[in-house]
Amino acid sequence: MRTWRANGQFAETFDGALNHAAGFDGRVGWRVDETGMPGPLDLGDLEELIVSNAVWTGRWLCEDGGIRIEDTVSSHGSRIVLRIHANADGLGGRRFRLALDARTGLPQTLEPFGRDDVTATFNDFRPGGFGLVPHVTTIRHEWLVNTLRVESIERTTATPACGPLHDVPNDVTFDDAAPPAWRFTRGKLPLVRPLVDGNEVGWFVLDTGAGSLGIDAGIAASLRLPELGRRLIRTSDGVAGAPYPVTEGCRASSSSPSRRACRREAARPPWEPARRRSPPFSPPCFLP
């Protein structure tokens, strides 16, 4: 479900086996990932969300629509291609190519400038919302294609909530008596040894810039983790498709660093563990 306000605020939620949500309250972006963990949405991820929603609703044409048209990349035959970006404080670093139908002026495709592996295609325009709205949107990430179909569009007199759905949980505890066991990668990333569904599975890289965890296919098979299809993942080795196994829980064991040890060793790794919340629920795991 997507909810928009005339001032540019919006929120979108996806219900299913992998629930997630994202939105923009006019000042900051937010998201709730597939595990239920809320957090900020910023930089290029926020710009992509703002631009795609503005194009989808037609607000990109409004003076206060939050989108700036830089120039016309090409104009020939039945197709006009524009270069656009999000026009808001702290945003605008990521450019997008917006292709229009030269006859109708309606959007045809949207993709990050300089890339061809991610494309949104708009079809079946009908009246609704701020004007003509595409009722069929196809989003392609490499080989993975999702099709979104609009079932209905309704106006509401109530003021929809476009802020974060809930706060970051504050129920993480640390055992200061637990003996620290420090290990690092050659790149100085810290390693932790969690329990996956109560089982020891080895050391994991704790990368605070990653949105998910990966697990060896053999270990996942031995744990008999259920799978929810496949999805596209990006790693340091490139882009690939991977099964999406789900755990009942992933918790740090006593051999992981304690908070006291983390404070003592804070000068060693570029890592502040007190600011990284370990989710008390199942994180997404991908098989390499």
C-alpha atoms as a PDB file:
ATOM      1  CA  MET A   1       0.000   0.000   0.000  1.00  0.00           C
ATOM      2  CA  ARG A   2       1.223   3.486  -0.858  1.00  0.00           C
ATOM      3  CA  THR A   3       0.089   6.694   0.809  1.00  0.00           C
ATOM      4  CA  TRP A   4       0.916  10.193  -0.461  1.00  0.00           C
ATOM      5  CA  ARG A   5       0.288  13.701   0.744  1.00  0.00           C
ATOM      6  CA  ALA A   6       0.134  16.753  -1.507  1.00  0.00           C
ATOM      7  CA  ASN A   7       3.191  18.236   0.243  1.00  0.00           C
ATOM      8  CA  GLY A   8       5.426  15.388  -0.959  1.00  0.00           C
ATOM      9  CA  GLN A   9       5.349  13.170   2.115  1.00  0.00           C
ATOM     10  CA  PHE A  10       4.669   9.497   1.482  1.00  0.00           C
ATOM     11  CA  ALA A  11       4.878   6.015   2.925  1.00  0.00           C
ATOM     12  CA  GLU A  12       4.752   2.586   1.313  1.00  0.00           C
ATOM     13  CA  THR A  13       4.285  -0.795   2.955  1.00  0.00           C
ATOM     14  CA  PHE A  14       4.579  -4.274   1.504  1.00  0.00           C
ATOM     15  CA  ASP A  15       2.742  -7.120   3.215  1.00  0.00           C
ATOM     16  CA  GLY A  16       3.729 -10.736   2.727  1.00  0.00           C
ATOM     17  CA  ALA A  17       6.298 -13.285   3.799  1.00  0.00           C
ATOM     18  CA  LEU A  18       8.956 -10.543   3.735  1.00  0.00           C
ATOM     19  CA  ASN A  19       7.157  -7.475   5.076  1.00  0.00           C
ATOM     20  CA  HIS A  20       8.965  -4.171   4.698  1.00  0.00           C
ATOM     21  CA  ALA A  21       8.185  -0.473   4.550  1.00  0.00           C
ATOM     22  CA  ALA A  22       9.769   2.870   3.681  1.00  0.00           C
ATOM     23  CA  GLY A  23       8.798   6.507   3.566  1.00  0.00           C
ATOM     24  CA  PHE A  24       9.685  10.191   3.708  1.00  0.00           C
ATOM     25  CA  ASP A  25       8.151  12.602   6.217  1.00  0.00           C
ATOM     26  CA  GLY A  26       9.323  15.735   4.419  1.00  0.00           C
ATOM     27  CA  ARG A  27      12.582  15.949   6.376  1.00  0.00           C
ATOM     28  CA  VAL A  28      14.088  12.485   6.726  1.00  0.00           C
ATOM     29  CA  GLY A  29      13.678   9.090   5.132  1.00  0.00           C
ATOM     30  CA  TRP A  30      13.030   5.894   7.057  1.00  0.00           C
ATOM     31  CA  ARG A  31      12.665   2.199   6.419  1.00  0.00           C
ATOM     32  CA  VAL A  32      11.667  -1.012   8.171  1.00  0.00           C
ATOM     33  CA  ASP A  33      13.512  -4.015   6.753  1.00  0.00           C
ATOM     34  CA  GLU A  34      12.300  -7.574   6.278  1.00  0.00           C
ATOM     35  CA  THR A  35      13.230  -8.471   9.856  1.00  0.00           C
ATOM     36  CA  GLY A  36      11.099  -5.676  11.309  1.00  0.00           C
ATOM     37  CA  MET A  37      14.110  -3.537  12.269  1.00  0.00           C
ATOM     38  CA  PRO A  38      13.491   0.209  11.668  1.00  0.00           C
ATOM     39  CA  GLY A  39      16.234   2.591  10.655  1.00  0.00           C
ATOM     40  CA  PRO A  40      17.090   5.671   8.596  1.00  0.00           C
ATOM     41  CA  LEU A  41      16.922   5.794   4.816  1.00  0.00           C
ATOM     42  CA  ASP A  42      19.365   8.283   3.355  1.00  0.00           C
ATOM     43  CA  LEU A  43      21.798   9.162   0.577  1.00  0.00           C
ATOM     44  CA  GLY A  44      21.178   7.427  -2.745  1.00  0.00           C
ATOM     45  CA  ASP A  45      18.576   5.029  -1.351  1.00  0.00           C
ATOM     46  CA  LEU A  46      16.407   7.941  -0.208  1.00  0.00           C
ATOM     47  CA  GLU A  47      16.888   9.816  -3.480  1.00  0.00           C
ATOM     48  CA  GLU A  48      15.799   6.767  -5.464  1.00  0.00           C
ATOM     49  CA  LEU A  49      12.663   6.445  -3.341  1.00  0.00           C
ATOM     50  CA  ILE A  50      11.784  10.158  -3.644  1.00  0.00           C
ATOM     51  CA  VAL A  51      12.358  10.295  -7.393  1.00  0.00           C
ATOM     52  CA  SER A  52      10.467   7.072  -8.171  1.00  0.00           C
ATOM     53  CA  ASN A  53       7.456   8.175  -6.101  1.00  0.00           C
ATOM     54  CA  ALA A  54       7.432  11.636  -7.677  1.00  0.00           C
ATOM     55  CA  VAL A  55       7.472  10.133 -11.177  1.00  0.00           C
ATOM     56  CA  TRP A  56       4.834   7.551 -10.264  1.00  0.00           C
ATOM     57  CA  THR A  57       2.398  10.157  -8.899  1.00  0.00           C
ATOM     58  CA  GLY A  58       3.153  12.848 -11.480  1.00  0.00           C
ATOM     59  CA  ARG A  59       4.430  15.298  -8.847  1.00  0.00           C
ATOM     60  CA  TRP A  60       7.747  15.566 -10.672  1.00  0.00           C
ATOM     61  CA  LEU A  61       6.035  18.115 -12.947  1.00  0.00           C
ATOM     62  CA  CYS A  62       5.051  20.438 -10.073  1.00  0.00           C
ATOM     63  CA  GLU A  63       7.250  23.385  -9.124  1.00  0.00           C
ATOM     64  CA  ASP A  64       7.238  22.131  -5.529  1.00  0.00           C
ATOM     65  CA  GLY A  65       7.350  18.491  -6.536  1.00  0.00           C
ATOM     66  CA  GLY A  66      10.823  17.907  -5.115  1.00  0.00           C
ATOM     67  CA  ILE A  67      12.379  17.094  -8.514  1.00  0.00           C
ATOM     68  CA  ARG A  68      14.739  19.197 -10.603  1.00  0.00           C
ATOM     69  CA  ILE A  69      15.058  18.725 -14.360  1.00  0.00           C
ATOM     70  CA  GLU A  70      18.686  19.344 -15.292  1.00  0.00           C
ATOM     71  CA  ASP A  71      18.622  18.995 -19.059  1.00  0.00           C
ATOM     72  CA  THR A  72      17.404  17.007 -22.035  1.00  0.00           C
ATOM     73  CA  VAL A  73      19.720  14.103 -22.756  1.00  0.00           C
ATOM     74  CA  SER A  74      18.154  13.227 -26.099  1.00  0.00           C
ATOM     75  CA  SER A  75      15.048  13.974 -28.130  1.00  0.00           C
ATOM     76  CA  HIS A  76      14.311  12.051 -31.272  1.00  0.00           C
ATOM     77  CA  GLY A  77      11.391  10.167 -32.751  1.00  0.00           C
ATOM     78  CA  SER A  78       8.817   9.194 -30.155  1.00  0.00           C
ATOM     79  CA  ARG A  79      11.099   9.392 -27.123  1.00  0.00           C
ATOM     80  CA  ILE A  80      12.433  12.239 -24.951  1.00  0.00           C
ATOM     81  CA  VAL A  81      15.047  11.513 -22.286  1.00  0.00           C
ATOM     82  CA  LEU A  82      15.593  13.903 -19.353  1.00  0.00           C
ATOM     83  CA  ARG A  83      18.238  14.010 -16.646  1.00  0.00           C
ATOM     84  CA  ILE A  84      16.623  14.640 -13.240  1.00  0.00           C
ATOM     85  CA  HIS A  85      17.489  14.502  -9.546  1.00  0.00           C
ATOM     86  CA  ALA A  86      15.887  14.994  -6.135  1.00  0.00           C
ATOM     87  CA  ASN A  87      15.699  18.660  -5.202  1.00  0.00           C
ATOM     88  CA  ALA A  88      15.841  18.740  -1.393  1.00  0.00           C
ATOM     89  CA  ASP A  89      18.310  19.767   1.296  1.00  0.00           C
ATOM     90  CA  GLY A  90      21.247  17.388   1.372  1.00  0.00           C
ATOM     91  CA  LEU A  91      20.035  15.473  -1.691  1.00  0.00           C
ATOM     92  CA  GLY A  92      20.671  15.616  -5.410  1.00  0.00           C
ATOM     93  CA  GLY A  93      23.867  13.624  -5.720  1.00  0.00           C
ATOM     94  CA  ARG A  94      22.309  10.802  -7.728  1.00  0.00           C
ATOM     95  CA  ARG A  95      21.070  11.486 -11.265  1.00  0.00           C
ATOM     96  CA  PHE A  96      18.320   9.607 -13.081  1.00  0.00           C
ATOM     97  CA  ARG A  97      17.292   9.128 -16.694  1.00  0.00           C
ATOM     98  CA  LEU A  98      13.585   9.678 -17.261  1.00  0.00           C
ATOM     99  CA  ALA A  99      12.282   8.638 -20.673  1.00  0.00           C
ATOM    100  CA  LEU A 100       8.997  10.209 -21.820  1.00  0.00           C
ATOM    101  CA  ASP A 101       6.595   9.428 -24.596  1.00  0.00           C
ATOM    102  CA  ALA A 102       7.088  12.394 -26.973  1.00  0.00           C
ATOM    103  CA  ARG A 103       3.423  12.403 -27.954  1.00  0.00           C
ATOM    104  CA  THR A 104       1.748  12.165 -24.541  1.00  0.00           C
ATOM    105  CA  GLY A 105       4.538  13.393 -22.248  1.00  0.00           C
ATOM    106  CA  LEU A 106       3.919  10.422 -19.936  1.00  0.00           C
ATOM    107  CA  PRO A 107       6.841   8.599 -18.286  1.00  0.00           C
ATOM    108  CA  GLN A 108       7.979   5.382 -19.923  1.00  0.00           C
ATOM    109  CA  THR A 109      11.103   4.328 -17.989  1.00  0.00           C
ATOM    110  CA  LEU A 110      13.200   5.531 -15.053  1.00  0.00           C
ATOM    111  CA  GLU A 111      16.727   4.364 -14.298  1.00  0.00           C
ATOM    112  CA  PRO A 112      19.831   5.600 -12.443  1.00  0.00           C
ATOM    113  CA  PHE A 113      22.014   7.642 -14.760  1.00  0.00           C
ATOM    114  CA  GLY A 114      24.946   5.657 -16.123  1.00  0.00           C
ATOM    115  CA  ARG A 115      23.433   2.262 -15.260  1.00  0.00           C
ATOM    116  CA  ASP A 116      21.245  -0.153 -17.189  1.00  0.00           C
ATOM    117  CA  ASP A 117      20.816  -2.930 -14.617  1.00  0.00           C
ATOM    118  CA  VAL A 118      17.953  -1.220 -12.744  1.00  0.00           C
ATOM    119  CA  THR A 119      14.906   0.008 -14.659  1.00  0.00           C
ATOM    120  CA  ALA A 120      11.331   0.925 -13.744  1.00  0.00           C
ATOM    121  CA  THR A 121       8.823   0.768 -16.625  1.00  0.00           C
ATOM    122  CA  PHE A 122       5.408   2.474 -16.419  1.00  0.00           C
ATOM    123  CA  ASN A 123       2.285   1.342 -18.297  1.00  0.00           C
ATOM    124  CA  ASP A 124      -1.523   1.499 -18.270  1.00  0.00           C
ATOM    125  CA  PHE A 125      -2.031   5.132 -17.219  1.00  0.00           C
ATOM    126  CA  ARG A 126      -5.410   6.000 -15.708  1.00  0.00           C
ATOM    127  CA  PRO A 127      -6.779   8.980 -13.768  1.00  0.00           C
ATOM    128  CA  GLY A 128      -6.031   8.986 -10.041  1.00  0.00           C
ATOM    129  CA  GLY A 129      -4.185  10.815  -7.303  1.00  0.00           C
ATOM    130  CA  PHE A 130      -2.430  13.876  -8.776  1.00  0.00           C
ATOM    131  CA  GLY A 131      -3.240  13.053 -12.410  1.00  0.00           C
ATOM    132  CA  LEU A 132      -2.671  10.076 -14.689  1.00  0.00           C
ATOM    133  CA  VAL A 133      -1.122   7.255 -12.674  1.00  0.00           C
ATOM    134  CA  PRO A 134       0.492   4.098 -14.111  1.00  0.00           C
ATOM    135  CA  HIS A 135      -1.495   1.092 -12.944  1.00  0.00           C
ATOM    136  CA  VAL A 136       1.213  -1.369 -13.996  1.00  0.00           C
ATOM    137  CA  THR A 137       4.832  -0.766 -12.971  1.00  0.00           C
ATOM    138  CA  THR A 138       7.590  -3.249 -13.770  1.00  0.00           C
ATOM    139  CA  ILE A 139      10.818  -2.985 -11.782  1.00  0.00           C
ATOM    140  CA  ARG A 140      13.860  -4.875 -13.068  1.00  0.00           C
ATOM    141  CA  HIS A 141      17.031  -5.494 -11.051  1.00  0.00           C
ATOM    142  CA  GLU A 142      19.331  -7.416 -13.375  1.00  0.00           C
ATOM    143  CA  TRP A 143      17.433 -10.694 -13.974  1.00  0.00           C
ATOM    144  CA  LEU A 144      14.910 -10.169 -11.152  1.00  0.00           C
ATOM    145  CA  VAL A 145      11.624  -8.599 -12.301  1.00  0.00           C
ATOM    146  CA  ASN A 146       8.752  -7.488 -10.072  1.00  0.00           C
ATOM    147  CA  THR A 147       5.410  -6.254 -11.373  1.00  0.00           C
ATOM    148  CA  LEU A 148       3.264  -3.925  -9.254  1.00  0.00           C
ATOM    149  CA  ARG A 149      -0.413  -3.545 -10.183  1.00  0.00           C
ATOM    150  CA  VAL A 150      -2.727  -0.888  -8.785  1.00  0.00           C
ATOM    151  CA  GLU A 151      -6.029  -2.278  -7.526  1.00  0.00           C
ATOM    152  CA  SER A 152      -7.595   1.000  -6.377  1.00  0.00           C
ATOM    153  CA  ILE A 153      -6.798   4.643  -5.587  1.00  0.00           C
ATOM    154  CA  GLU A 154      -8.809   6.487  -2.953  1.00  0.00           C
ATOM    155  CA  ARG A 155      -8.752  10.027  -1.614  1.00  0.00           C
ATOM    156  CA  THR A 156      -8.963  10.495   2.133  1.00  0.00           C
ATOM    157  CA  THR A 157      -9.879  13.477   4.274  1.00  0.00           C
ATOM    158  CA  ALA A 158      -7.810  12.144   7.147  1.00  0.00           C
ATOM    159  CA  THR A 159      -4.158  13.136   7.478  1.00  0.00           C
ATOM    160  CA  PRO A 160      -2.123  10.019   6.707  1.00  0.00           C
ATOM    161  CA  ALA A 161       0.915   9.240   8.824  1.00  0.00           C
ATOM    162  CA  CYS A 162       4.118   9.329   6.775  1.00  0.00           C
ATOM    163  CA  GLY A 163       6.638   9.151   9.608  1.00  0.00           C
ATOM    164  CA  PRO A 164       8.461   6.065  10.913  1.00  0.00           C
ATOM    165  CA  LEU A 165       6.140   3.253  11.934  1.00  0.00           C
ATOM    166  CA  HIS A 166       7.934   2.647  15.246  1.00  0.00           C
ATOM    167  CA  ASP A 167      11.154   3.423  17.070  1.00  0.00           C
ATOM    168  CA  VAL A 168      14.318   1.339  17.085  1.00  0.00           C
ATOM    169  CA  PRO A 169      13.925  -1.277  19.848  1.00  0.00           C
ATOM    170  CA  ASN A 170      15.938  -0.653  22.972  1.00  0.00           C
ATOM    171  CA  ASP A 171      15.928  -4.167  24.397  1.00  0.00           C
ATOM    172  CA  VAL A 172      19.526  -5.203  23.673  1.00  0.00           C
ATOM    173  CA  THR A 173      21.497  -6.333  26.727  1.00  0.00           C
ATOM    174  CA  PHE A 174      25.212  -6.933  27.203  1.00  0.00           C
ATOM    175  CA  ASP A 175      26.945  -9.365  29.532  1.00  0.00           C
ATOM    176  CA  ASP A 176      29.961  -7.444  30.828  1.00  0.00           C
ATOM    177  CA  ALA A 177      31.215 -10.593  32.554  1.00  0.00           C
ATOM    178  CA  ALA A 178      31.490 -12.479  29.263  1.00  0.00           C
ATOM    179  CA  PRO A 179      35.139 -12.975  28.248  1.00  0.00           C
ATOM    180  CA  PRO A 180      35.919 -11.116  25.009  1.00  0.00           C
ATOM    181  CA  ALA A 181      37.275 -13.072  22.057  1.00  0.00           C
ATOM    182  CA  TRP A 182      38.585 -10.613  19.505  1.00  0.00           C
ATOM    183  CA  ARG A 183      39.087 -11.569  15.885  1.00  0.00           C
ATOM    184  CA  PHE A 184      39.370  -9.334  12.821  1.00  0.00           C
ATOM    185  CA  THR A 185      39.536  -9.699   9.081  1.00  0.00           C
ATOM    186  CA  ARG A 186      42.589  -8.501   7.193  1.00  0.00           C
ATOM    187  CA  GLY A 187      40.584  -5.362   6.465  1.00  0.00           C
ATOM    188  CA  LYS A 188      40.176  -4.818  10.234  1.00  0.00           C
ATOM    189  CA  LEU A 189      36.442  -5.601  10.243  1.00  0.00           C
ATOM    190  CA  PRO A 190      35.422  -7.174  13.571  1.00  0.00           C
ATOM    191  CA  LEU A 191      34.127 -10.738  13.678  1.00  0.00           C
ATOM    192  CA  VAL A 192      31.352 -12.076  15.908  1.00  0.00           C
ATOM    193  CA  ARG A 193      30.306 -15.642  16.653  1.00  0.00           C
ATOM    194  CA  PRO A 194      26.496 -15.742  16.814  1.00  0.00           C
ATOM    195  CA  LEU A 195      24.067 -18.562  17.442  1.00  0.00           C
ATOM    196  CA  VAL A 196      21.729 -19.219  14.524  1.00  0.00           C
ATOM    197  CA  ASP A 197      18.596 -20.946  15.787  1.00  0.00           C
ATOM    198  CA  GLY A 198      20.652 -21.876  18.850  1.00  0.00           C
ATOM    199  CA  ASN A 199      23.452 -23.495  16.809  1.00  0.00           C
ATOM    200  CA  GLU A 200      27.110 -22.520  16.532  1.00  0.00           C
ATOM    201  CA  VAL A 201      27.895 -21.831  12.865  1.00  0.00           C
ATOM    202  CA  GLY A 202      31.241 -20.033  13.008  1.00  0.00           C
ATOM    203  CA  TRP A 203      32.433 -16.462  12.700  1.00  0.00           C
ATOM    204  CA  PHE A 204      30.512 -13.702  10.920  1.00  0.00           C
ATOM    205  CA  VAL A 205      31.856 -10.375   9.652  1.00  0.00           C
ATOM    206  CA  LEU A 206      30.180  -7.504  11.486  1.00  0.00           C
ATOM    207  CA  ASP A 207      29.826  -4.945   8.702  1.00  0.00           C
ATOM    208  CA  THR A 208      27.676  -2.011   9.835  1.00  0.00           C
ATOM    209  CA  GLY A 209      27.400  -0.838   6.229  1.00  0.00           C
ATOM    210  CA  ALA A 210      25.758  -4.063   5.028  1.00  0.00           C
ATOM    211  CA  GLY A 211      22.016  -4.516   4.943  1.00  0.00           C
ATOM    212  CA  SER A 212      22.010  -8.269   5.432  1.00  0.00           C
ATOM    213  CA  LEU A 213      24.042 -11.321   6.397  1.00  0.00           C
ATOM    214  CA  GLY A 214      25.328 -14.117   4.205  1.00  0.00           C
ATOM    215  CA  ILE A 215      25.673 -17.734   5.256  1.00  0.00           C
ATOM    216  CA  ASP A 216      27.444 -20.657   3.639  1.00  0.00           C
ATOM    217  CA  ALA A 217      25.134 -22.871   1.577  1.00  0.00           C
ATOM    218  CA  GLY A 218      26.360 -26.028   3.303  1.00  0.00           C
ATOM    219  CA  ILE A 219      25.700 -24.611   6.768  1.00  0.00           C
ATOM    220  CA  ALA A 220      22.249 -23.416   5.762  1.00  0.00           C
ATOM    221  CA  ALA A 221      21.468 -26.889   4.438  1.00  0.00           C
ATOM    222  CA  SER A 222      22.642 -28.511   7.681  1.00  0.00           C
ATOM    223  CA  LEU A 223      20.408 -26.168   9.680  1.00  0.00           C
ATOM    224  CA  ARG A 224      17.479 -26.935   7.361  1.00  0.00           C
ATOM    225  CA  LEU A 225      16.586 -23.266   7.092  1.00  0.00           C
ATOM    226  CA  PRO A 226      13.341 -22.631   5.186  1.00  0.00           C
ATOM    227  CA  GLU A 227      13.674 -20.573   2.014  1.00  0.00           C
ATOM    228  CA  LEU A 228      11.481 -17.770   0.691  1.00  0.00           C
ATOM    229  CA  GLY A 229      12.421 -17.821  -2.971  1.00  0.00           C
ATOM    230  CA  ARG A 230      15.427 -15.992  -4.393  1.00  0.00           C
ATOM    231  CA  ARG A 231      16.535 -12.395  -4.578  1.00  0.00           C
ATOM    232  CA  LEU A 232      19.246 -10.211  -6.040  1.00  0.00           C
ATOM    233  CA  ILE A 233      22.242  -9.390  -3.857  1.00  0.00           C
ATOM    234  CA  ARG A 234      25.276  -7.175  -4.371  1.00  0.00           C
ATOM    235  CA  THR A 235      28.602  -8.174  -2.868  1.00  0.00           C
ATOM    236  CA  SER A 236      32.217  -7.120  -3.251  1.00  0.00           C
ATOM    237  CA  ASP A 237      32.468  -9.817  -5.932  1.00  0.00           C
ATOM    238  CA  GLY A 238      29.571  -8.454  -7.994  1.00  0.00           C
ATOM    239  CA  VAL A 239      25.862  -9.123  -8.445  1.00  0.00           C
ATOM    240  CA  ALA A 240      24.259 -12.538  -8.113  1.00  0.00           C
ATOM    241  CA  GLY A 241      21.017 -14.274  -7.296  1.00  0.00           C
ATOM    242  CA  ALA A 242      20.718 -16.227  -4.066  1.00  0.00           C
ATOM    243  CA  PRO A 243      18.132 -18.201  -2.093  1.00  0.00           C
ATOM    244  CA  TYR A 244      16.596 -16.376   0.861  1.00  0.00           C
ATOM    245  CA  PRO A 245      16.692 -18.655   3.936  1.00  0.00           C
ATOM    246  CA  VAL A 246      15.053 -17.445   7.152  1.00  0.00           C
ATOM    247  CA  THR A 247      16.118 -18.073  10.747  1.00  0.00           C
ATOM    248  CA  GLU A 248      14.052 -18.013  13.899  1.00  0.00           C
ATOM    249  CA  GLY A 249      16.775 -16.049  15.650  1.00  0.00           C
ATOM    250  CA  CYS A 250      20.384 -14.888  15.411  1.00  0.00           C
ATOM    251  CA  ARG A 251      22.000 -13.864  18.692  1.00  0.00           C
ATOM    252  CA  ALA A 252      25.545 -13.091  19.729  1.00  0.00           C
ATOM    253  CA  SER A 253      27.025 -15.748  21.976  1.00  0.00           C
ATOM    254  CA  SER A 254      29.176 -15.243  25.057  1.00  0.00           C
ATOM    255  CA  SER A 255      32.314 -15.476  22.931  1.00  0.00           C
ATOM    256  CA  SER A 256      31.389 -12.230  21.167  1.00  0.00           C
ATOM    257  CA  PRO A 257      32.868  -8.989  22.516  1.00  0.00           C
ATOM    258  CA  SER A 258      31.295  -7.581  25.656  1.00  0.00           C
ATOM    259  CA  ARG A 259      30.386  -3.914  25.868  1.00  0.00           C
ATOM    260  CA  ARG A 260      33.253  -3.316  28.326  1.00  0.00           C
ATOM    261  CA  ALA A 261      35.723  -4.917  25.943  1.00  0.00           C
ATOM    262  CA  CYS A 262      34.304  -2.901  23.065  1.00  0.00           C
ATOM    263  CA  ARG A 263      34.908   0.333  24.947  1.00  0.00           C
ATOM    264  CA  ARG A 264      38.436  -0.770  25.829  1.00  0.00           C
ATOM    265  CA  GLU A 265      39.252  -1.667  22.230  1.00  0.00           C
ATOM    266  CA  ALA A 266      37.409   1.254  20.645  1.00  0.00           C
ATOM    267  CA  ALA A 267      40.637   2.710  19.284  1.00  0.00           C
ATOM    268  CA  ARG A 268      41.456  -0.432  17.302  1.00  0.00           C
ATOM    269  CA  PRO A 269      38.606  -0.968  14.814  1.00  0.00           C
ATOM    270  CA  PRO A 270      36.574   1.826  13.179  1.00  0.00           C
ATOM    271  CA  TRP A 271      33.499   0.487  14.912  1.00  0.00           C
ATOM    272  CA  GLU A 272      31.212   1.716  17.690  1.00  0.00           C
ATOM    273  CA  PRO A 273      29.209  -1.341  18.771  1.00  0.00           C
ATOM    274  CA  ALA A 274      27.015   0.542  21.227  1.00  0.00           C
ATOM    275  CA  ARG A 275      25.451   2.321  18.267  1.00  0.00           C
ATOM    276  CA  ARG A 276      24.731  -0.887  16.372  1.00  0.00           C
ATOM    277  CA  ARG A 277      21.622  -2.672  17.618  1.00  0.00           C
ATOM    278  CA  SER A 278      21.584  -6.425  17.282  1.00  0.00           C
ATOM    279  CA  PRO A 279      18.069  -7.418  16.172  1.00  0.00           C
ATOM    280  CA  PRO A 280      16.232  -9.747  18.569  1.00  0.00           C
ATOM    281  CA  PHE A 281      14.633 -11.445  15.578  1.00  0.00           C
ATOM    282  CA  SER A 282      15.649 -13.203  12.407  1.00  0.00           C
ATOM    283  CA  PRO A 283      17.911 -11.193  10.067  1.00  0.00           C
ATOM    284  CA  PRO A 284      17.819 -11.833   6.329  1.00  0.00           C
ATOM    285  CA  CYS A 285      20.473 -14.324   5.256  1.00  0.00           C
ATOM    286  CA  PHE A 286      21.595 -15.016   1.717  1.00  0.00           C
ATOM    287  CA  LEU A 287      23.418 -17.991   0.324  1.00  0.00           C
ATOM    288  CA  PRO A 288      26.489 -17.223  -1.779  1.00  0.00           C
END
